[in-house]
Amino acid sequence: SCSSSDGSTYYADSVKGRFTASRDNAKNTANLQMNSLKP
C-alpha cells in the first residue's frame, strides 16, 4: 500500500478489501490492519 500525505491511499490488488492502512498522528505511528489472512 501507499498512503500519500495528500490523504490518498492505494492498495495492491492482492490485498484490496482485506488490508487497511492508517495513521495515528498523535502517536506518530502508521498502522496496517490485515484481515482474512491467507498463506
PDB file of all heavy atoms in Angstrom:
ATOM      1  N   SER A   1       0.838  -1.183   0.000  1.00  0.00           N
ATOM      2  CA  SER A   1       0.000   0.000   0.000  1.00  0.00           C
ATOM      3  C   SER A   1       0.877   1.238   0.000  1.00  0.00           C
ATOM      4  O   SER A   1       2.063   1.183   0.307  1.00  0.00           O
ATOM      5  CB  SER A   1      -0.937   0.025   1.209  1.00  0.00           C
ATOM      6  OG  SER A   1      -0.216   0.282   2.406  1.00  0.00           O
ATOM      7  N   CYS A   2       0.262   2.354  -0.342  1.00  0.00           N
ATOM      8  CA  CYS A   2       0.912   3.652  -0.258  1.00  0.00           C
ATOM      9  C   CYS A   2      -0.119   4.675   0.186  1.00  0.00           C
ATOM     10  O   CYS A   2      -1.189   4.786  -0.427  1.00  0.00           O
ATOM     11  CB  CYS A   2       1.521   4.050  -1.599  1.00  0.00           C
ATOM     12  SG  CYS A   2       2.248   5.703  -1.599  1.00  0.00           S
ATOM     13  N   SER A   3       0.197   5.400   1.257  1.00  0.00           N
ATOM     14  CA  SER A   3      -0.673   6.454   1.778  1.00  0.00           C
ATOM     15  C   SER A   3       0.049   7.780   1.633  1.00  0.00           C
ATOM     16  O   SER A   3       1.015   8.051   2.351  1.00  0.00           O
ATOM     17  CB  SER A   3      -1.019   6.205   3.242  1.00  0.00           C
ATOM     18  OG  SER A   3      -1.699   4.977   3.411  1.00  0.00           O
ATOM     19  N   SER A   4      -0.400   8.595   0.695  1.00  0.00           N
ATOM     20  CA  SER A   4       0.262   9.860   0.445  1.00  0.00           C
ATOM     21  C   SER A   4      -0.090  10.877   1.517  1.00  0.00           C
ATOM     22  O   SER A   4      -1.118  10.772   2.200  1.00  0.00           O
ATOM     23  CB  SER A   4      -0.116  10.398  -0.934  1.00  0.00           C
ATOM     24  OG  SER A   4      -1.437  10.904  -0.932  1.00  0.00           O
ATOM     25  N   SER A   5       0.768  11.874   1.669  1.00  0.00           N
ATOM     26  CA  SER A   5       0.499  12.935   2.635  1.00  0.00           C
ATOM     27  C   SER A   5      -0.658  13.821   2.195  1.00  0.00           C
ATOM     28  O   SER A   5      -1.155  14.625   2.988  1.00  0.00           O
ATOM     29  CB  SER A   5       1.756  13.782   2.864  1.00  0.00           C
ATOM     30  OG  SER A   5       2.204  14.373   1.652  1.00  0.00           O
ATOM     31  N   ASP A   6      -1.111  13.676   0.944  1.00  0.00           N
ATOM     32  CA  ASP A   6      -2.298  14.375   0.461  1.00  0.00           C
ATOM     33  C   ASP A   6      -3.585  13.730   0.964  1.00  0.00           C
ATOM     34  O   ASP A   6      -4.662  14.315   0.815  1.00  0.00           O
ATOM     35  CB  ASP A   6      -2.325  14.410  -1.065  1.00  0.00           C
ATOM     36  CG  ASP A   6      -1.284  15.329  -1.648  1.00  0.00           C
ATOM     37  OD1 ASP A   6      -0.819  16.240  -0.942  1.00  0.00           O
ATOM     38  OD2 ASP A   6      -0.934  15.142  -2.834  1.00  0.00           O
ATOM     39  N   GLY A   7      -3.494  12.504   1.503  1.00  0.00           N
ATOM     40  CA  GLY A   7      -4.659  11.841   2.047  1.00  0.00           C
ATOM     41  C   GLY A   7      -5.197  10.688   1.228  1.00  0.00           C
ATOM     42  O   GLY A   7      -6.204  10.084   1.613  1.00  0.00           O
ATOM     43  N   SER A   8      -4.562  10.349   0.123  1.00  0.00           N
ATOM     44  CA  SER A   8      -4.998   9.242  -0.724  1.00  0.00           C
ATOM     45  C   SER A   8      -4.239   7.973  -0.371  1.00  0.00           C
ATOM     46  O   SER A   8      -3.045   8.022  -0.081  1.00  0.00           O
ATOM     47  CB  SER A   8      -4.790   9.574  -2.199  1.00  0.00           C
ATOM     48  OG  SER A   8      -5.550  10.705  -2.573  1.00  0.00           O
ATOM     49  N   THR A   9      -4.926   6.840  -0.410  1.00  0.00           N
ATOM     50  CA  THR A   9      -4.319   5.548  -0.116  1.00  0.00           C
ATOM     51  C   THR A   9      -4.579   4.590  -1.269  1.00  0.00           C
ATOM     52  O   THR A   9      -5.698   4.506  -1.776  1.00  0.00           O
ATOM     53  CB  THR A   9      -4.859   4.951   1.190  1.00  0.00           C
ATOM     54  OG1 THR A   9      -4.600   5.851   2.270  1.00  0.00           O
ATOM     55  CG2 THR A   9      -4.195   3.620   1.484  1.00  0.00           C
ATOM     56  N   TYR A  10      -3.542   3.858  -1.663  1.00  0.00           N
ATOM     57  CA  TYR A  10      -3.626   2.905  -2.757  1.00  0.00           C
ATOM     58  C   TYR A  10      -3.174   1.543  -2.251  1.00  0.00           C
ATOM     59  O   TYR A  10      -2.267   1.448  -1.421  1.00  0.00           O
ATOM     60  CB  TYR A  10      -2.746   3.353  -3.932  1.00  0.00           C
ATOM     61  CG  TYR A  10      -3.041   4.763  -4.385  1.00  0.00           C
ATOM     62  CD1 TYR A  10      -2.347   5.842  -3.855  1.00  0.00           C
ATOM     63  CD2 TYR A  10      -4.025   5.011  -5.332  1.00  0.00           C
ATOM     64  CE1 TYR A  10      -2.627   7.139  -4.255  1.00  0.00           C
ATOM     65  CE2 TYR A  10      -4.316   6.300  -5.743  1.00  0.00           C
ATOM     66  CZ  TYR A  10      -3.608   7.360  -5.200  1.00  0.00           C
ATOM     67  OH  TYR A  10      -3.893   8.642  -5.605  1.00  0.00           O
ATOM     68  N   TYR A  11      -3.803   0.482  -2.770  1.00  0.00           N
ATOM     69  CA  TYR A  11      -3.512  -0.874  -2.341  1.00  0.00           C
ATOM     70  C   TYR A  11      -3.193  -1.761  -3.539  1.00  0.00           C
ATOM     71  O   TYR A  11      -3.751  -1.588  -4.627  1.00  0.00           O
ATOM     72  CB  TYR A  11      -4.691  -1.489  -1.599  1.00  0.00           C
ATOM     73  CG  TYR A  11      -5.068  -0.774  -0.322  1.00  0.00           C
ATOM     74  CD1 TYR A  11      -6.047   0.208  -0.309  1.00  0.00           C
ATOM     75  CD2 TYR A  11      -4.450  -1.100   0.876  1.00  0.00           C
ATOM     76  CE1 TYR A  11      -6.398   0.867   0.863  1.00  0.00           C
ATOM     77  CE2 TYR A  11      -4.791  -0.453   2.050  1.00  0.00           C
ATOM     78  CZ  TYR A  11      -5.763   0.529   2.044  1.00  0.00           C
ATOM     79  OH  TYR A  11      -6.109   1.177   3.212  1.00  0.00           O
ATOM     80  N   ALA A  12      -2.309  -2.721  -3.319  1.00  0.00           N
ATOM     81  CA  ALA A  12      -2.091  -3.753  -4.311  1.00  0.00           C
ATOM     82  C   ALA A  12      -3.360  -4.577  -4.481  1.00  0.00           C
ATOM     83  O   ALA A  12      -4.122  -4.782  -3.531  1.00  0.00           O
ATOM     84  CB  ALA A  12      -0.934  -4.656  -3.903  1.00  0.00           C
ATOM     85  N   ASP A  13      -3.597  -5.058  -5.704  1.00  0.00           N
ATOM     86  CA  ASP A  13      -4.806  -5.841  -5.971  1.00  0.00           C
ATOM     87  C   ASP A  13      -4.922  -7.054  -5.050  1.00  0.00           C
ATOM     88  O   ASP A  13      -6.025  -7.451  -4.667  1.00  0.00           O
ATOM     89  CB  ASP A  13      -4.830  -6.297  -7.425  1.00  0.00           C
ATOM     90  CG  ASP A  13      -5.090  -5.161  -8.401  1.00  0.00           C
ATOM     91  OD1 ASP A  13      -5.599  -4.111  -7.970  1.00  0.00           O
ATOM     92  OD2 ASP A  13      -4.787  -5.335  -9.594  1.00  0.00           O
ATOM     93  N   SER A  14      -3.800  -7.636  -4.685  1.00  0.00           N
ATOM     94  CA  SER A  14      -3.797  -8.852  -3.888  1.00  0.00           C
ATOM     95  C   SER A  14      -4.305  -8.647  -2.464  1.00  0.00           C
ATOM     96  O   SER A  14      -4.657  -9.621  -1.793  1.00  0.00           O
ATOM     97  CB  SER A  14      -2.392  -9.456  -3.848  1.00  0.00           C
ATOM     98  OG  SER A  14      -1.458  -8.532  -3.323  1.00  0.00           O
ATOM     99  N   VAL A  15      -4.350  -7.391  -1.988  1.00  0.00           N
ATOM    100  CA  VAL A  15      -4.763  -7.133  -0.606  1.00  0.00           C
ATOM    101  C   VAL A  15      -5.989  -6.239  -0.511  1.00  0.00           C
ATOM    102  O   VAL A  15      -6.483  -6.005   0.605  1.00  0.00           O
ATOM    103  CB  VAL A  15      -3.612  -6.526   0.227  1.00  0.00           C
ATOM    104  CG1 VAL A  15      -2.368  -7.396   0.132  1.00  0.00           C
ATOM    105  CG2 VAL A  15      -3.309  -5.097  -0.210  1.00  0.00           C
ATOM    106  N   LYS A  16      -6.504  -5.748  -1.623  1.00  0.00           N
ATOM    107  CA  LYS A  16      -7.670  -4.874  -1.591  1.00  0.00           C
ATOM    108  C   LYS A  16      -8.852  -5.555  -0.911  1.00  0.00           C
ATOM    109  O   LYS A  16      -9.147  -6.714  -1.175  1.00  0.00           O
ATOM    110  CB  LYS A  16      -8.061  -4.455  -3.002  1.00  0.00           C
ATOM    111  CG  LYS A  16      -7.182  -3.384  -3.604  1.00  0.00           C
ATOM    112  CD  LYS A  16      -7.660  -3.004  -4.996  1.00  0.00           C
ATOM    113  CE  LYS A  16      -6.788  -1.915  -5.598  1.00  0.00           C
ATOM    114  NZ  LYS A  16      -7.205  -1.580  -6.981  1.00  0.00           N
ATOM    115  N   GLY A  17      -9.505  -4.822  -0.035  1.00  0.00           N
ATOM    116  CA  GLY A  17     -10.644  -5.348   0.692  1.00  0.00           C
ATOM    117  C   GLY A  17     -10.287  -6.107   1.943  1.00  0.00           C
ATOM    118  O   GLY A  17     -11.177  -6.423   2.743  1.00  0.00           O
ATOM    119  N   ARG A  18      -9.010  -6.418   2.131  1.00  0.00           N
ATOM    120  CA  ARG A  18      -8.564  -7.174   3.304  1.00  0.00           C
ATOM    121  C   ARG A  18      -7.635  -6.364   4.217  1.00  0.00           C
ATOM    122  O   ARG A  18      -7.666  -6.538   5.432  1.00  0.00           O
ATOM    123  CB  ARG A  18      -7.849  -8.457   2.878  1.00  0.00           C
ATOM    124  CG  ARG A  18      -8.715  -9.399   2.051  1.00  0.00           C
ATOM    125  CD  ARG A  18      -8.031 -10.748   1.836  1.00  0.00           C
ATOM    126  NE  ARG A  18      -6.788 -10.611   1.081  1.00  0.00           N
ATOM    127  CZ  ARG A  18      -5.592 -10.964   1.533  1.00  0.00           C
ATOM    128  NH1 ARG A  18      -5.470 -11.487   2.757  1.00  0.00           N
ATOM    129  NH2 ARG A  18      -4.521 -10.816   0.771  1.00  0.00           N
ATOM    130  N   PHE A  19      -6.809  -5.510   3.631  1.00  0.00           N
ATOM    131  CA  PHE A  19      -5.842  -4.717   4.392  1.00  0.00           C
ATOM    132  C   PHE A  19      -6.285  -3.262   4.424  1.00  0.00           C
ATOM    133  O   PHE A  19      -6.831  -2.745   3.440  1.00  0.00           O
ATOM    134  CB  PHE A  19      -4.451  -4.783   3.764  1.00  0.00           C
ATOM    135  CG  PHE A  19      -3.758  -6.119   3.876  1.00  0.00           C
ATOM    136  CD1 PHE A  19      -4.422  -7.259   4.280  1.00  0.00           C
ATOM    137  CD2 PHE A  19      -2.407  -6.212   3.553  1.00  0.00           C
ATOM    138  CE1 PHE A  19      -3.774  -8.478   4.374  1.00  0.00           C
ATOM    139  CE2 PHE A  19      -1.747  -7.425   3.642  1.00  0.00           C
ATOM    140  CZ  PHE A  19      -2.429  -8.556   4.050  1.00  0.00           C
ATOM    141  N   THR A  20      -6.011  -2.579   5.539  1.00  0.00           N
ATOM    142  CA  THR A  20      -6.317  -1.167   5.679  1.00  0.00           C
ATOM    143  C   THR A  20      -5.129  -0.447   6.302  1.00  0.00           C
ATOM    144  O   THR A  20      -4.688  -0.808   7.395  1.00  0.00           O
ATOM    145  CB  THR A  20      -7.564  -0.936   6.545  1.00  0.00           C
ATOM    146  OG1 THR A  20      -8.683  -1.633   5.991  1.00  0.00           O
ATOM    147  CG2 THR A  20      -7.894   0.553   6.606  1.00  0.00           C
ATOM    148  N   ALA A  21      -4.613   0.553   5.607  1.00  0.00           N
ATOM    149  CA  ALA A  21      -3.524   1.369   6.125  1.00  0.00           C
ATOM    150  C   ALA A  21      -4.088   2.628   6.770  1.00  0.00           C
ATOM    151  O   ALA A  21      -5.042   3.216   6.259  1.00  0.00           O
ATOM    152  CB  ALA A  21      -2.556   1.737   5.005  1.00  0.00           C
ATOM    153  N   SER A  22      -3.489   3.046   7.879  1.00  0.00           N
ATOM    154  CA  SER A  22      -3.971   4.218   8.591  1.00  0.00           C
ATOM    155  C   SER A  22      -2.819   4.891   9.318  1.00  0.00           C
ATOM    156  O   SER A  22      -1.707   4.363   9.377  1.00  0.00           O
ATOM    157  CB  SER A  22      -5.080   3.841   9.583  1.00  0.00           C
ATOM    158  OG  SER A  22      -4.597   2.948  10.572  1.00  0.00           O
ATOM    159  N   ARG A  23      -3.122   6.057   9.877  1.00  0.00           N
ATOM    160  CA  ARG A  23      -2.149   6.808  10.661  1.00  0.00           C
ATOM    161  C   ARG A  23      -2.751   7.195  12.002  1.00  0.00           C
ATOM    162  O   ARG A  23      -3.946   7.455  12.112  1.00  0.00           O
ATOM    163  CB  ARG A  23      -1.721   8.098   9.958  1.00  0.00           C
ATOM    164  CG  ARG A  23      -1.108   7.946   8.594  1.00  0.00           C
ATOM    165  CD  ARG A  23      -0.892   9.327   7.991  1.00  0.00           C
ATOM    166  NE  ARG A  23      -0.429   9.242   6.612  1.00  0.00           N
ATOM    167  CZ  ARG A  23       0.735   9.712   6.179  1.00  0.00           C
ATOM    168  NH1 ARG A  23       1.570  10.310   7.025  1.00  0.00           N
ATOM    169  NH2 ARG A  23       1.055   9.596   4.903  1.00  0.00           N
ATOM    170  N   ASP A  24      -1.917   7.250  13.014  1.00  0.00           N
ATOM    171  CA  ASP A  24      -2.271   7.815  14.304  1.00  0.00           C
ATOM    172  C   ASP A  24      -1.299   8.967  14.538  1.00  0.00           C
ATOM    173  O   ASP A  24      -0.193   8.769  15.036  1.00  0.00           O
ATOM    174  CB  ASP A  24      -2.178   6.777  15.411  1.00  0.00           C
ATOM    175  CG  ASP A  24      -2.699   7.285  16.743  1.00  0.00           C
ATOM    176  OD1 ASP A  24      -2.729   8.507  16.961  1.00  0.00           O
ATOM    177  OD2 ASP A  24      -3.081   6.446  17.581  1.00  0.00           O
ATOM    178  N   ASN A  25      -1.714  10.159  14.157  1.00  0.00           N
ATOM    179  CA  ASN A  25      -0.809  11.302  14.206  1.00  0.00           C
ATOM    180  C   ASN A  25      -0.377  11.644  15.634  1.00  0.00           C
ATOM    181  O   ASN A  25       0.752  12.096  15.849  1.00  0.00           O
ATOM    182  CB  ASN A  25      -1.461  12.522  13.558  1.00  0.00           C
ATOM    183  CG  ASN A  25      -1.595  12.383  12.056  1.00  0.00           C
ATOM    184  OD1 ASN A  25      -0.780  11.730  11.407  1.00  0.00           O
ATOM    185  ND2 ASN A  25      -2.622  13.011  11.492  1.00  0.00           N
ATOM    186  N   ALA A  26      -1.261  11.440  16.605  1.00  0.00           N
ATOM    187  CA  ALA A  26      -0.923  11.738  17.990  1.00  0.00           C
ATOM    188  C   ALA A  26       0.233  10.885  18.487  1.00  0.00           C
ATOM    189  O   ALA A  26       1.012  11.323  19.334  1.00  0.00           O
ATOM    190  CB  ALA A  26      -2.142  11.561  18.889  1.00  0.00           C
ATOM    191  N   LYS A  27       0.335   9.667  17.982  1.00  0.00           N
ATOM    192  CA  LYS A  27       1.404   8.753  18.378  1.00  0.00           C
ATOM    193  C   LYS A  27       2.544   8.702  17.371  1.00  0.00           C
ATOM    194  O   LYS A  27       3.500   7.949  17.567  1.00  0.00           O
ATOM    195  CB  LYS A  27       0.846   7.351  18.582  1.00  0.00           C
ATOM    196  CG  LYS A  27      -0.175   7.248  19.702  1.00  0.00           C
ATOM    197  CD  LYS A  27      -0.677   5.818  19.857  1.00  0.00           C
ATOM    198  CE  LYS A  27      -1.673   5.713  20.992  1.00  0.00           C
ATOM    199  NZ  LYS A  27      -2.192   4.330  21.148  1.00  0.00           N
ATOM    200  N   ASN A  28       2.442   9.486  16.285  1.00  0.00           N
ATOM    201  CA  ASN A  28       3.451   9.492  15.232  1.00  0.00           C
ATOM    202  C   ASN A  28       3.708   8.068  14.727  1.00  0.00           C
ATOM    203  O   ASN A  28       4.852   7.634  14.564  1.00  0.00           O
ATOM    204  CB  ASN A  28       4.753  10.134  15.731  1.00  0.00           C
ATOM    205  CG  ASN A  28       5.595  10.709  14.610  1.00  0.00           C
ATOM    206  OD1 ASN A  28       5.088  11.084  13.559  1.00  0.00           O
ATOM    207  ND2 ASN A  28       6.901  10.781  14.840  1.00  0.00           N
ATOM    208  N   THR A  29       2.608   7.352  14.465  1.00  0.00           N
ATOM    209  CA  THR A  29       2.658   5.935  14.138  1.00  0.00           C
ATOM    210  C   THR A  29       1.767   5.627  12.945  1.00  0.00           C
ATOM    211  O   THR A  29       0.682   6.199  12.799  1.00  0.00           O
ATOM    212  CB  THR A  29       2.202   5.094  15.344  1.00  0.00           C
ATOM    213  OG1 THR A  29       3.095   5.314  16.445  1.00  0.00           O
ATOM    214  CG2 THR A  29       2.186   3.613  15.014  1.00  0.00           C
ATOM    215  N   ALA A  30       2.226   4.732  12.088  1.00  0.00           N
ATOM    216  CA  ALA A  30       1.423   4.199  10.997  1.00  0.00           C
ATOM    217  C   ALA A  30       1.037   2.765  11.311  1.00  0.00           C
ATOM    218  O   ALA A  30       1.786   2.041  11.973  1.00  0.00           O
ATOM    219  CB  ALA A  30       2.191   4.260   9.680  1.00  0.00           C
ATOM    220  N   ASN A  31      -0.133   2.347  10.839  1.00  0.00           N
ATOM    221  CA  ASN A  31      -0.632   1.007  11.112  1.00  0.00           C
ATOM    222  C   ASN A  31      -1.102   0.332   9.832  1.00  0.00           C
ATOM    223  O   ASN A  31      -1.544   0.992   8.887  1.00  0.00           O
ATOM    224  CB  ASN A  31      -1.798   1.058  12.102  1.00  0.00           C
ATOM    225  CG  ASN A  31      -1.413   1.666  13.430  1.00  0.00           C
ATOM    226  OD1 ASN A  31      -0.580   1.128  14.155  1.00  0.00           O
ATOM    227  ND2 ASN A  31      -2.016   2.802  13.758  1.00  0.00           N
ATOM    228  N   LEU A  32      -1.007  -0.977   9.821  1.00  0.00           N
ATOM    229  CA  LEU A  32      -1.545  -1.786   8.735  1.00  0.00           C
ATOM    230  C   LEU A  32      -2.391  -2.893   9.350  1.00  0.00           C
ATOM    231  O   LEU A  32      -1.852  -3.816   9.968  1.00  0.00           O
ATOM    232  CB  LEU A  32      -0.436  -2.377   7.870  1.00  0.00           C
ATOM    233  CG  LEU A  32      -0.901  -3.176   6.654  1.00  0.00           C
ATOM    234  CD1 LEU A  32      -1.553  -2.246   5.629  1.00  0.00           C
ATOM    235  CD2 LEU A  32       0.254  -3.939   6.021  1.00  0.00           C
ATOM    236  N   GLN A  33      -3.707  -2.778   9.206  1.00  0.00           N
ATOM    237  CA  GLN A  33      -4.630  -3.798   9.685  1.00  0.00           C
ATOM    238  C   GLN A  33      -4.798  -4.848   8.596  1.00  0.00           C
ATOM    239  O   GLN A  33      -5.198  -4.517   7.474  1.00  0.00           O
ATOM    240  CB  GLN A  33      -5.984  -3.186  10.039  1.00  0.00           C
ATOM    241  CG  GLN A  33      -7.022  -4.184  10.529  1.00  0.00           C
ATOM    242  CD  GLN A  33      -6.670  -4.789  11.865  1.00  0.00           C
ATOM    243  OE1 GLN A  33      -6.259  -4.075  12.781  1.00  0.00           O
ATOM    244  NE2 GLN A  33      -6.815  -6.095  11.992  1.00  0.00           N
ATOM    245  N   MET A  34      -4.508  -6.096   8.909  1.00  0.00           N
ATOM    246  CA  MET A  34      -4.553  -7.186   7.953  1.00  0.00           C
ATOM    247  C   MET A  34      -5.603  -8.193   8.404  1.00  0.00           C
ATOM    248  O   MET A  34      -5.458  -8.820   9.454  1.00  0.00           O
ATOM    249  CB  MET A  34      -3.183  -7.857   7.820  1.00  0.00           C
ATOM    250  CG  MET A  34      -2.059  -6.888   7.483  1.00  0.00           C
ATOM    251  SD  MET A  34      -0.476  -7.723   7.186  1.00  0.00           S
ATOM    252  CE  MET A  34      -0.184  -8.421   8.806  1.00  0.00           C
ATOM    253  N   ASN A  35      -6.658  -8.343   7.611  1.00  0.00           N
ATOM    254  CA  ASN A  35      -7.742  -9.265   7.910  1.00  0.00           C
ATOM    255  C   ASN A  35      -7.816 -10.361   6.854  1.00  0.00           C
ATOM    256  O   ASN A  35      -7.264 -10.234   5.764  1.00  0.00           O
ATOM    257  CB  ASN A  35      -9.076  -8.519   7.969  1.00  0.00           C
ATOM    258  CG  ASN A  35      -9.125  -7.470   9.050  1.00  0.00           C
ATOM    259  OD1 ASN A  35      -8.540  -7.629  10.119  1.00  0.00           O
ATOM    260  ND2 ASN A  35      -9.859  -6.382   8.787  1.00  0.00           N
ATOM    261  N   SER A  36      -8.532 -11.419   7.178  1.00  0.00           N
ATOM    262  CA  SER A  36      -8.738 -12.536   6.251  1.00  0.00           C
ATOM    263  C   SER A  36      -7.422 -13.010   5.649  1.00  0.00           C
ATOM    264  O   SER A  36      -7.298 -13.201   4.436  1.00  0.00           O
ATOM    265  CB  SER A  36      -9.727 -12.133   5.152  1.00  0.00           C
ATOM    266  OG  SER A  36     -10.968 -11.739   5.700  1.00  0.00           O
ATOM    267  N   LEU A  37      -6.443 -13.223   6.499  1.00  0.00           N
ATOM    268  CA  LEU A  37      -5.100 -13.539   6.028  1.00  0.00           C
ATOM    269  C   LEU A  37      -5.044 -14.900   5.352  1.00  0.00           C
ATOM    270  O   LEU A  37      -5.741 -15.843   5.746  1.00  0.00           O
ATOM    271  CB  LEU A  37      -4.116 -13.482   7.187  1.00  0.00           C
ATOM    272  CG  LEU A  37      -3.748 -12.061   7.618  1.00  0.00           C
ATOM    273  CD1 LEU A  37      -3.143 -12.057   9.014  1.00  0.00           C
ATOM    274  CD2 LEU A  37      -2.772 -11.445   6.615  1.00  0.00           C
ATOM    275  N   LYS A  38      -4.212 -14.973   4.329  1.00  0.00           N
ATOM    276  CA  LYS A  38      -4.018 -16.171   3.529  1.00  0.00           C
ATOM    277  C   LYS A  38      -2.567 -16.624   3.627  1.00  0.00           C
ATOM    278  O   LYS A  38      -1.681 -15.817   3.896  1.00  0.00           O
ATOM    279  CB  LYS A  38      -4.354 -15.886   2.062  1.00  0.00           C
ATOM    280  CG  LYS A  38      -5.741 -15.314   1.822  1.00  0.00           C
ATOM    281  CD  LYS A  38      -5.919 -14.932   0.357  1.00  0.00           C
ATOM    282  CE  LYS A  38      -7.279 -14.333   0.100  1.00  0.00           C
ATOM    283  NZ  LYS A  38      -7.444 -13.949  -1.328  1.00  0.00           N
ATOM    284  N   PRO A  39      -2.298 -17.907   3.381  1.00  0.00           N
ATOM    285  CA  PRO A  39      -0.903 -18.363   3.398  1.00  0.00           C
ATOM    286  C   PRO A  39       0.006 -17.568   2.467  1.00  0.00           C
ATOM    287  O   PRO A  39       1.181 -17.359   2.794  1.00  0.00           O
ATOM    288  CB  PRO A  39      -1.013 -19.825   2.958  1.00  0.00           C
ATOM    289  CG  PRO A  39      -2.359 -20.242   3.429  1.00  0.00           C
ATOM    290  CD  PRO A  39      -3.235 -19.031   3.233  1.00  0.00           C
TER     291      PRO A  39
END
